[in-house]
Amino acid sequence: MTQAARRRQPPITIRSARAVALLRRLATGGRSQVDIIEEALERMASQRKTLSEALTPVPPQAFDWEPARSNITSHVPDFDD
């Protein structure tokens, strides 16, 4: 990807206090906000599924819906202490 001069690139405006706080926290190591945002977007794009992957049926999962049986009623309390 060719990089244009910063002045010629379109600006991005973030109107989120949470995003600003996260950017401030992530930029403490000397990284620029631009690097952080670009890296996050590239990571999201690489993890995105293709349409065929998204439409592939997921194999059903078997769950044991019965709770574990408790045998607490079989214990007789010892009050002789």
N, C-alpha and C. Protein backbone atom coordinates (compact mmCIF):
# COMPACT_ATOMS: atom_id res chain seq x y z
N MET A 1 0.86 -1.18 0.00
CA MET A 1 0.00 0.00 0.00
C MET A 1 0.90 1.23 0.00
N THR A 2 0.69 2.12 -0.96
CA THR A 2 1.47 3.35 -1.00
C THR A 2 0.91 4.34 -0.01
N GLN A 3 1.82 5.01 0.66
CA GLN A 3 1.41 5.96 1.68
C GLN A 3 1.50 7.37 1.11
N ALA A 4 0.40 8.10 1.18
CA ALA A 4 0.39 9.49 0.77
C ALA A 4 0.86 10.34 1.94
N ALA A 5 1.25 11.56 1.64
CA ALA A 5 1.64 12.47 2.71
C ALA A 5 0.46 12.65 3.65
N ARG A 6 0.76 12.82 4.92
CA ARG A 6 -0.29 12.92 5.94
C ARG A 6 -1.30 14.01 5.61
N ARG A 7 -0.84 15.12 5.02
CA ARG A 7 -1.77 16.22 4.69
C ARG A 7 -2.78 15.82 3.63
N ARG A 8 -2.40 14.89 2.75
CA ARG A 8 -3.27 14.51 1.64
C ARG A 8 -4.22 13.37 2.01
N GLN A 9 -4.03 12.74 3.15
CA GLN A 9 -4.89 11.65 3.55
C GLN A 9 -6.16 12.21 4.18
N PRO A 10 -7.29 11.54 3.94
CA PRO A 10 -8.53 12.03 4.54
C PRO A 10 -8.50 11.84 6.06
N PRO A 11 -8.98 12.84 6.81
CA PRO A 11 -8.97 12.72 8.27
C PRO A 11 -10.07 11.79 8.76
N ILE A 12 -9.83 11.18 9.91
CA ILE A 12 -10.83 10.34 10.57
C ILE A 12 -11.18 11.01 11.88
N THR A 13 -12.47 11.15 12.14
CA THR A 13 -12.92 11.75 13.39
C THR A 13 -13.56 10.66 14.24
N ILE A 14 -13.09 10.54 15.48
CA ILE A 14 -13.65 9.56 16.40
C ILE A 14 -14.40 10.33 17.48
N ARG A 15 -15.68 10.03 17.61
CA ARG A 15 -16.50 10.69 18.62
C ARG A 15 -16.91 9.67 19.67
N SER A 16 -15.93 9.12 20.32
CA SER A 16 -16.18 8.11 21.33
C SER A 16 -15.19 8.31 22.47
N ALA A 17 -15.69 8.59 23.64
CA ALA A 17 -14.81 8.78 24.79
C ALA A 17 -14.07 7.49 25.11
N ARG A 18 -14.74 6.37 24.93
CA ARG A 18 -14.11 5.08 25.20
C ARG A 18 -12.96 4.82 24.24
N ALA A 19 -13.16 5.11 22.95
CA ALA A 19 -12.10 4.92 21.96
C ALA A 19 -10.92 5.83 22.24
N VAL A 20 -11.20 7.06 22.62
CA VAL A 20 -10.12 8.00 22.93
C VAL A 20 -9.31 7.50 24.13
N ALA A 21 -10.00 7.01 25.15
CA ALA A 21 -9.31 6.49 26.33
C ALA A 21 -8.45 5.28 25.97
N LEU A 22 -8.99 4.38 25.13
CA LEU A 22 -8.22 3.20 24.71
C LEU A 22 -7.01 3.61 23.87
N LEU A 23 -7.18 4.57 22.99
CA LEU A 23 -6.06 5.03 22.18
C LEU A 23 -4.97 5.65 23.05
N ARG A 24 -5.37 6.43 24.03
CA ARG A 24 -4.37 7.03 24.94
C ARG A 24 -3.60 5.95 25.69
N ARG A 25 -4.31 4.92 26.14
CA ARG A 25 -3.66 3.85 26.89
C ARG A 25 -2.72 3.05 25.99
N LEU A 26 -3.13 2.79 24.74
CA LEU A 26 -2.32 1.99 23.83
C LEU A 26 -1.15 2.78 23.25
N ALA A 27 -1.24 4.09 23.23
CA ALA A 27 -0.20 4.92 22.63
C ALA A 27 0.90 5.30 23.61
N THR A 28 0.88 4.76 24.82
CA THR A 28 1.88 5.13 25.81
C THR A 28 3.27 4.62 25.47
N GLY A 29 3.38 3.57 24.69
CA GLY A 29 4.68 2.99 24.36
C GLY A 29 5.39 3.70 23.22
N GLY A 30 4.94 4.86 22.83
CA GLY A 30 5.57 5.60 21.75
C GLY A 30 4.95 5.33 20.39
N ARG A 31 3.96 4.46 20.32
CA ARG A 31 3.29 4.19 19.05
C ARG A 31 2.32 5.32 18.73
N SER A 32 2.16 5.59 17.46
CA SER A 32 1.23 6.64 17.08
C SER A 32 -0.19 6.08 17.03
N GLN A 33 -1.15 6.97 17.17
CA GLN A 33 -2.55 6.56 17.09
C GLN A 33 -2.88 5.97 15.73
N VAL A 34 -2.25 6.50 14.69
CA VAL A 34 -2.48 5.99 13.33
C VAL A 34 -2.03 4.54 13.24
N ASP A 35 -0.84 4.24 13.78
CA ASP A 35 -0.35 2.85 13.74
C ASP A 35 -1.29 1.91 14.49
N ILE A 36 -1.79 2.35 15.63
CA ILE A 36 -2.67 1.52 16.44
C ILE A 36 -3.97 1.25 15.70
N ILE A 37 -4.56 2.27 15.13
CA ILE A 37 -5.83 2.11 14.41
C ILE A 37 -5.65 1.24 13.18
N GLU A 38 -4.59 1.48 12.40
CA GLU A 38 -4.36 0.69 11.19
C GLU A 38 -4.11 -0.78 11.53
N GLU A 39 -3.33 -1.03 12.58
CA GLU A 39 -3.06 -2.41 12.98
C GLU A 39 -4.35 -3.12 13.40
N ALA A 40 -5.19 -2.42 14.17
CA ALA A 40 -6.45 -3.02 14.61
C ALA A 40 -7.36 -3.31 13.41
N LEU A 41 -7.42 -2.40 12.46
CA LEU A 41 -8.27 -2.62 11.29
C LEU A 41 -7.74 -3.75 10.43
N GLU A 42 -6.42 -3.84 10.27
CA GLU A 42 -5.84 -4.94 9.50
C GLU A 42 -6.11 -6.29 10.18
N ARG A 43 -6.02 -6.32 11.50
CA ARG A 43 -6.29 -7.56 12.24
C ARG A 43 -7.75 -7.96 12.06
N MET A 44 -8.65 -6.99 12.14
CA MET A 44 -10.07 -7.30 11.96
C MET A 44 -10.34 -7.81 10.56
N ALA A 45 -9.72 -7.20 9.57
CA ALA A 45 -9.94 -7.62 8.19
C ALA A 45 -9.39 -9.01 7.93
N SER A 46 -8.26 -9.36 8.56
CA SER A 46 -7.69 -10.69 8.34
C SER A 46 -8.50 -11.78 9.03
N GLN A 47 -9.24 -11.44 10.08
CA GLN A 47 -10.04 -12.43 10.79
C GLN A 47 -11.45 -12.57 10.21
N ARG A 48 -11.80 -11.71 9.31
CA ARG A 48 -13.14 -11.73 8.74
C ARG A 48 -13.33 -12.96 7.85
N LYS A 49 -14.44 -13.59 7.99
CA LYS A 49 -14.75 -14.78 7.20
C LYS A 49 -15.17 -14.38 5.79
N THR A 50 -14.91 -15.27 4.84
CA THR A 50 -15.46 -15.08 3.51
C THR A 50 -16.93 -15.46 3.55
N LEU A 51 -17.65 -15.13 2.52
CA LEU A 51 -19.08 -15.43 2.46
C LEU A 51 -19.31 -16.94 2.52
N SER A 52 -18.49 -17.71 1.82
CA SER A 52 -18.68 -19.17 1.84
C SER A 52 -18.40 -19.73 3.23
N GLU A 53 -17.41 -19.18 3.95
CA GLU A 53 -17.14 -19.63 5.31
C GLU A 53 -18.29 -19.29 6.25
N ALA A 54 -18.86 -18.09 6.06
CA ALA A 54 -19.96 -17.67 6.91
C ALA A 54 -21.21 -18.50 6.68
N LEU A 55 -21.39 -19.01 5.45
CA LEU A 55 -22.60 -19.77 5.12
C LEU A 55 -22.44 -21.27 5.33
N THR A 56 -21.25 -21.73 5.64
CA THR A 56 -21.03 -23.16 5.87
C THR A 56 -21.75 -23.57 7.15
N PRO A 57 -22.56 -24.61 7.09
CA PRO A 57 -23.27 -25.04 8.30
C PRO A 57 -22.31 -25.49 9.40
N VAL A 58 -22.65 -25.16 10.59
CA VAL A 58 -21.85 -25.55 11.75
C VAL A 58 -22.37 -26.90 12.24
N PRO A 59 -21.48 -27.84 12.51
CA PRO A 59 -21.96 -29.14 12.99
C PRO A 59 -22.64 -28.98 14.35
N PRO A 60 -23.72 -29.71 14.57
CA PRO A 60 -24.42 -29.56 15.85
C PRO A 60 -23.57 -30.03 17.01
N GLN A 61 -23.76 -29.40 18.15
CA GLN A 61 -23.03 -29.78 19.35
C GLN A 61 -23.98 -30.47 20.31
N ALA A 62 -23.49 -31.49 20.96
CA ALA A 62 -24.31 -32.22 21.92
C ALA A 62 -24.03 -31.67 23.31
N PHE A 63 -25.10 -31.34 24.03
CA PHE A 63 -24.99 -30.82 25.38
C PHE A 63 -25.72 -31.75 26.34
N ASP A 64 -25.19 -31.89 27.52
CA ASP A 64 -25.85 -32.66 28.57
C ASP A 64 -26.69 -31.66 29.37
N TRP A 65 -27.98 -31.61 29.10
CA TRP A 65 -28.85 -30.62 29.71
C TRP A 65 -29.28 -31.00 31.12
N GLU A 66 -29.07 -32.25 31.52
CA GLU A 66 -29.43 -32.68 32.86
C GLU A 66 -28.37 -32.19 33.85
N PRO A 67 -28.79 -31.54 34.92
CA PRO A 67 -27.80 -31.11 35.90
C PRO A 67 -27.23 -32.31 36.64
N ALA A 68 -26.05 -32.13 37.18
CA ALA A 68 -25.43 -33.22 37.95
C ALA A 68 -26.29 -33.50 39.17
N ARG A 69 -26.48 -34.76 39.43
CA ARG A 69 -27.30 -35.16 40.58
C ARG A 69 -26.52 -34.96 41.86
N SER A 70 -27.17 -34.38 42.82
CA SER A 70 -26.55 -34.15 44.12
C SER A 70 -26.98 -35.26 45.07
N ASN A 71 -26.05 -35.74 45.86
CA ASN A 71 -26.40 -36.77 46.82
C ASN A 71 -26.31 -36.21 48.25
N ILE A 72 -26.56 -34.93 48.38
CA ILE A 72 -26.47 -34.29 49.70
C ILE A 72 -27.54 -34.84 50.66
N THR A 73 -28.65 -35.33 50.15
CA THR A 73 -29.71 -35.86 51.02
C THR A 73 -29.32 -37.20 51.61
N SER A 74 -28.32 -37.86 51.04
CA SER A 74 -27.92 -39.15 51.59
C SER A 74 -26.96 -39.01 52.77
N HIS A 75 -26.47 -37.81 53.03
CA HIS A 75 -25.58 -37.58 54.16
C HIS A 75 -26.40 -37.24 55.40
N VAL A 76 -26.16 -37.93 56.45
CA VAL A 76 -26.87 -37.69 57.71
C VAL A 76 -25.99 -36.76 58.55
N PRO A 77 -26.50 -35.64 59.00
CA PRO A 77 -25.67 -34.73 59.79
C PRO A 77 -25.30 -35.36 61.15
N ASP A 78 -24.10 -35.07 61.59
CA ASP A 78 -23.62 -35.59 62.86
C ASP A 78 -23.66 -34.47 63.88
N PHE A 79 -24.63 -34.50 64.77
CA PHE A 79 -24.82 -33.44 65.77
C PHE A 79 -24.20 -33.79 67.13
N ASP A 80 -23.37 -34.81 67.20
CA ASP A 80 -22.81 -35.25 68.47
C ASP A 80 -21.61 -34.42 68.91
N ASP A 81 -21.17 -33.48 68.14
CA ASP A 81 -19.99 -32.68 68.50
C ASP A 81 -20.20 -31.85 69.68
